[in-house]
N, C-alpha and C. Protein backbone atom coordinates (compact mmCIF):
# COMPACT_ATOMS: atom_id res chain seq x y z
N MET A 1 29.69 14.71 29.45
CA MET A 1 29.65 13.27 29.28
C MET A 1 30.60 12.91 28.13
N ASN A 2 31.40 11.95 28.29
CA ASN A 2 32.28 11.46 27.22
C ASN A 2 31.55 10.32 26.41
N MET A 3 32.20 9.88 25.45
CA MET A 3 31.58 8.89 24.54
C MET A 3 31.29 7.57 25.22
N ASP A 4 32.13 7.19 26.21
CA ASP A 4 31.84 5.92 26.96
C ASP A 4 30.50 6.04 27.69
N ASP A 5 30.29 7.19 28.34
CA ASP A 5 29.03 7.39 29.04
C ASP A 5 27.86 7.36 28.15
N TRP A 6 27.98 8.02 26.99
CA TRP A 6 26.85 8.00 25.98
C TRP A 6 26.54 6.61 25.57
N GLY A 7 27.62 5.82 25.37
CA GLY A 7 27.43 4.42 24.85
C GLY A 7 26.73 3.58 25.93
N ARG A 8 27.12 3.71 27.17
CA ARG A 8 26.49 2.98 28.23
C ARG A 8 25.06 3.39 28.39
N THR A 9 24.80 4.67 28.34
CA THR A 9 23.46 5.14 28.43
C THR A 9 22.53 4.62 27.37
N LEU A 10 22.98 4.69 26.15
CA LEU A 10 22.26 4.16 24.98
C LEU A 10 21.99 2.62 25.05
N ALA A 11 22.98 1.88 25.52
CA ALA A 11 22.85 0.43 25.67
C ALA A 11 21.90 0.14 26.80
N LEU A 12 21.86 0.87 27.89
CA LEU A 12 20.92 0.62 28.94
C LEU A 12 19.49 0.96 28.49
N LEU A 13 19.37 2.10 27.70
CA LEU A 13 18.08 2.43 27.23
C LEU A 13 17.52 1.38 26.26
N GLY A 14 18.46 0.84 25.48
CA GLY A 14 18.01 -0.25 24.56
C GLY A 14 17.58 -1.49 25.25
N VAL A 15 18.32 -1.85 26.27
CA VAL A 15 17.98 -3.07 27.05
C VAL A 15 16.64 -2.79 27.79
N GLY A 16 16.50 -1.57 28.30
CA GLY A 16 15.19 -1.23 29.03
C GLY A 16 14.03 -1.29 28.03
N LEU A 17 14.22 -0.76 26.86
CA LEU A 17 13.10 -0.83 25.89
C LEU A 17 12.79 -2.29 25.46
N LEU A 18 13.81 -3.09 25.38
CA LEU A 18 13.59 -4.49 24.98
C LEU A 18 12.84 -5.20 26.13
N VAL A 19 13.21 -4.94 27.37
CA VAL A 19 12.44 -5.57 28.46
C VAL A 19 11.01 -5.07 28.54
N LEU A 20 10.83 -3.76 28.38
CA LEU A 20 9.46 -3.20 28.39
C LEU A 20 8.61 -3.80 27.29
N GLY A 21 9.18 -3.92 26.06
CA GLY A 21 8.47 -4.54 25.00
C GLY A 21 8.05 -6.01 25.26
N GLY A 22 8.94 -6.75 25.92
CA GLY A 22 8.59 -8.13 26.27
C GLY A 22 7.48 -8.17 27.35
N VAL A 23 7.53 -7.24 28.35
CA VAL A 23 6.47 -7.19 29.31
C VAL A 23 5.19 -6.81 28.66
N LEU A 24 5.15 -5.86 27.73
CA LEU A 24 3.92 -5.46 27.12
C LEU A 24 3.37 -6.59 26.25
N MET A 25 4.23 -7.37 25.59
CA MET A 25 3.78 -8.51 24.82
C MET A 25 3.14 -9.55 25.71
N LEU A 26 3.72 -9.82 26.89
CA LEU A 26 3.18 -10.77 27.82
C LEU A 26 1.84 -10.28 28.38
N LEU A 27 1.75 -9.00 28.72
CA LEU A 27 0.53 -8.42 29.23
C LEU A 27 -0.60 -8.43 28.19
N GLY A 28 -0.26 -8.49 26.91
CA GLY A 28 -1.29 -8.52 25.87
C GLY A 28 -1.99 -9.86 25.86
N ARG A 29 -1.41 -10.90 26.45
CA ARG A 29 -2.00 -12.18 26.55
C ARG A 29 -2.92 -12.47 27.77
N VAL A 30 -2.89 -11.46 28.74
CA VAL A 30 -3.73 -11.58 29.93
C VAL A 30 -5.14 -11.35 29.53
N PRO A 31 -6.11 -12.31 29.81
CA PRO A 31 -7.49 -12.11 29.38
C PRO A 31 -8.18 -10.90 29.95
N VAL A 32 -7.87 -10.57 31.16
CA VAL A 32 -8.54 -9.44 31.82
C VAL A 32 -8.21 -8.11 31.07
N LEU A 33 -7.05 -8.01 30.56
CA LEU A 33 -6.59 -6.80 29.87
C LEU A 33 -7.05 -6.70 28.46
N LYS A 34 -7.82 -7.60 27.97
CA LYS A 34 -8.31 -7.54 26.60
C LYS A 34 -9.32 -6.42 26.39
N HIS A 35 -10.04 -6.10 27.53
CA HIS A 35 -11.05 -5.09 27.50
C HIS A 35 -10.48 -3.74 27.73
N PHE A 36 -9.15 -3.62 28.04
CA PHE A 36 -8.54 -2.38 28.35
C PHE A 36 -8.55 -1.46 27.14
N GLY A 37 -9.06 -0.27 27.20
CA GLY A 37 -9.24 0.57 26.01
C GLY A 37 -10.56 0.60 25.45
N ARG A 38 -11.42 -0.24 26.02
CA ARG A 38 -12.82 -0.34 25.67
C ARG A 38 -13.68 -0.20 26.83
N LEU A 39 -13.25 0.55 27.79
CA LEU A 39 -13.98 0.80 29.10
C LEU A 39 -15.03 1.82 28.87
N PRO A 40 -16.12 1.77 29.78
CA PRO A 40 -17.05 2.84 29.73
C PRO A 40 -16.40 4.14 30.10
N GLY A 41 -16.59 5.14 29.30
CA GLY A 41 -15.90 6.44 29.47
C GLY A 41 -14.83 6.76 28.51
N ASP A 42 -14.35 5.72 27.73
CA ASP A 42 -13.45 5.88 26.63
C ASP A 42 -14.31 6.30 25.44
N ILE A 43 -13.89 7.44 24.87
CA ILE A 43 -14.65 8.07 23.83
C ILE A 43 -14.22 7.62 22.44
N ARG A 44 -15.11 7.08 21.62
CA ARG A 44 -14.78 6.70 20.26
C ARG A 44 -15.75 7.46 19.33
N ILE A 45 -15.19 8.18 18.42
CA ILE A 45 -15.99 8.86 17.46
C ILE A 45 -15.59 8.36 16.04
N THR A 46 -16.66 7.92 15.39
CA THR A 46 -16.40 7.39 13.98
C THR A 46 -17.33 8.05 13.02
N GLY A 47 -16.80 8.35 11.92
CA GLY A 47 -17.58 9.01 10.83
C GLY A 47 -17.28 8.15 9.57
N GLU A 48 -17.81 8.68 8.47
CA GLU A 48 -17.63 7.92 7.20
C GLU A 48 -16.20 7.87 6.76
N HIS A 49 -15.50 8.95 6.95
CA HIS A 49 -14.08 9.00 6.51
C HIS A 49 -13.17 9.48 7.71
N PHE A 50 -13.64 9.30 8.93
CA PHE A 50 -13.00 9.84 10.01
C PHE A 50 -13.15 8.92 11.28
N SER A 51 -12.08 8.76 12.00
CA SER A 51 -12.14 7.99 13.25
C SER A 51 -11.32 8.63 14.30
N CYS A 52 -11.80 8.82 15.56
CA CYS A 52 -10.98 9.35 16.56
C CYS A 52 -11.35 8.57 17.93
N PHE A 53 -10.23 8.39 18.69
CA PHE A 53 -10.42 7.64 19.92
C PHE A 53 -9.70 8.33 21.08
N PHE A 54 -10.47 8.60 22.19
CA PHE A 54 -9.93 9.24 23.37
C PHE A 54 -10.12 8.29 24.54
N PRO A 55 -9.05 7.55 24.92
CA PRO A 55 -9.17 6.59 26.09
C PRO A 55 -9.08 7.27 27.42
N LEU A 56 -10.08 8.09 27.79
CA LEU A 56 -10.02 8.88 28.98
C LEU A 56 -9.92 7.99 30.26
N VAL A 57 -10.93 7.12 30.34
CA VAL A 57 -10.92 6.28 31.63
C VAL A 57 -9.71 5.31 31.69
N SER A 58 -9.34 4.77 30.55
CA SER A 58 -8.18 3.85 30.55
C SER A 58 -6.92 4.53 30.94
N MET A 59 -6.69 5.81 30.46
CA MET A 59 -5.47 6.53 30.78
C MET A 59 -5.57 7.04 32.26
N LEU A 60 -6.79 7.29 32.77
CA LEU A 60 -6.87 7.69 34.23
C LEU A 60 -6.43 6.50 35.05
N ILE A 61 -6.86 5.31 34.74
CA ILE A 61 -6.49 4.15 35.51
C ILE A 61 -4.98 3.90 35.44
N VAL A 62 -4.44 4.02 34.23
CA VAL A 62 -2.95 3.89 34.09
C VAL A 62 -2.21 4.94 34.89
N SER A 63 -2.75 6.19 34.90
CA SER A 63 -2.08 7.23 35.67
C SER A 63 -2.05 6.97 37.15
N VAL A 64 -3.23 6.55 37.60
CA VAL A 64 -3.33 6.16 39.11
C VAL A 64 -2.36 5.03 39.49
N LEU A 65 -2.34 4.02 38.69
CA LEU A 65 -1.57 2.86 39.01
C LEU A 65 -0.08 3.19 38.94
N LEU A 66 0.37 3.90 37.93
CA LEU A 66 1.79 4.31 37.84
C LEU A 66 2.16 5.29 39.00
N SER A 67 1.25 6.14 39.39
CA SER A 67 1.52 7.01 40.54
C SER A 67 1.75 6.19 41.81
N LEU A 68 0.83 5.22 42.02
CA LEU A 68 0.98 4.36 43.22
C LEU A 68 2.29 3.63 43.15
N VAL A 69 2.62 3.00 42.09
CA VAL A 69 3.82 2.17 41.99
C VAL A 69 5.07 2.97 42.14
N LEU A 70 5.08 4.13 41.51
CA LEU A 70 6.33 4.99 41.61
C LEU A 70 6.43 5.59 42.98
N ASN A 71 5.30 5.91 43.63
CA ASN A 71 5.29 6.44 45.02
C ASN A 71 5.88 5.34 45.96
N ILE A 72 5.47 4.12 45.79
CA ILE A 72 6.02 3.01 46.64
C ILE A 72 7.51 2.85 46.34
N ILE A 73 7.93 2.86 45.12
CA ILE A 73 9.33 2.68 44.79
C ILE A 73 10.18 3.79 45.41
N ILE A 74 9.70 4.98 45.27
CA ILE A 74 10.43 6.19 45.82
C ILE A 74 10.55 6.06 47.37
N ARG A 75 9.46 5.70 47.98
CA ARG A 75 9.43 5.53 49.42
C ARG A 75 10.43 4.39 49.91
N LEU A 76 10.46 3.36 49.12
CA LEU A 76 11.44 2.29 49.54
C LEU A 76 12.90 2.72 49.28
N LEU A 77 13.10 3.45 48.29
CA LEU A 77 14.53 3.93 47.96
C LEU A 77 15.04 4.96 48.96
N ASN A 78 14.04 5.72 49.63
CA ASN A 78 14.49 6.78 50.50
C ASN A 78 14.66 6.26 51.99
N ARG A 79 14.55 5.00 52.20
CA ARG A 79 14.71 4.49 53.55
C ARG A 79 16.14 4.62 54.01
């Protein structure tokens, strides 16, 4: 890869991150998603000087949704 290719790649990654950040900011305002991360099955351990959070169920839901979306996109692109 020459410098032009690296520049284009970095510019596209920057634009992609900017768009992703905007989408995440908009999703943060959706009332249904306010409880995301506080679902039953998400483990929260708090102590006097210690706090730990394992969002097991939330990440399972994200994984299933991303798998479905990417599977649909890949099937549409392979037509």
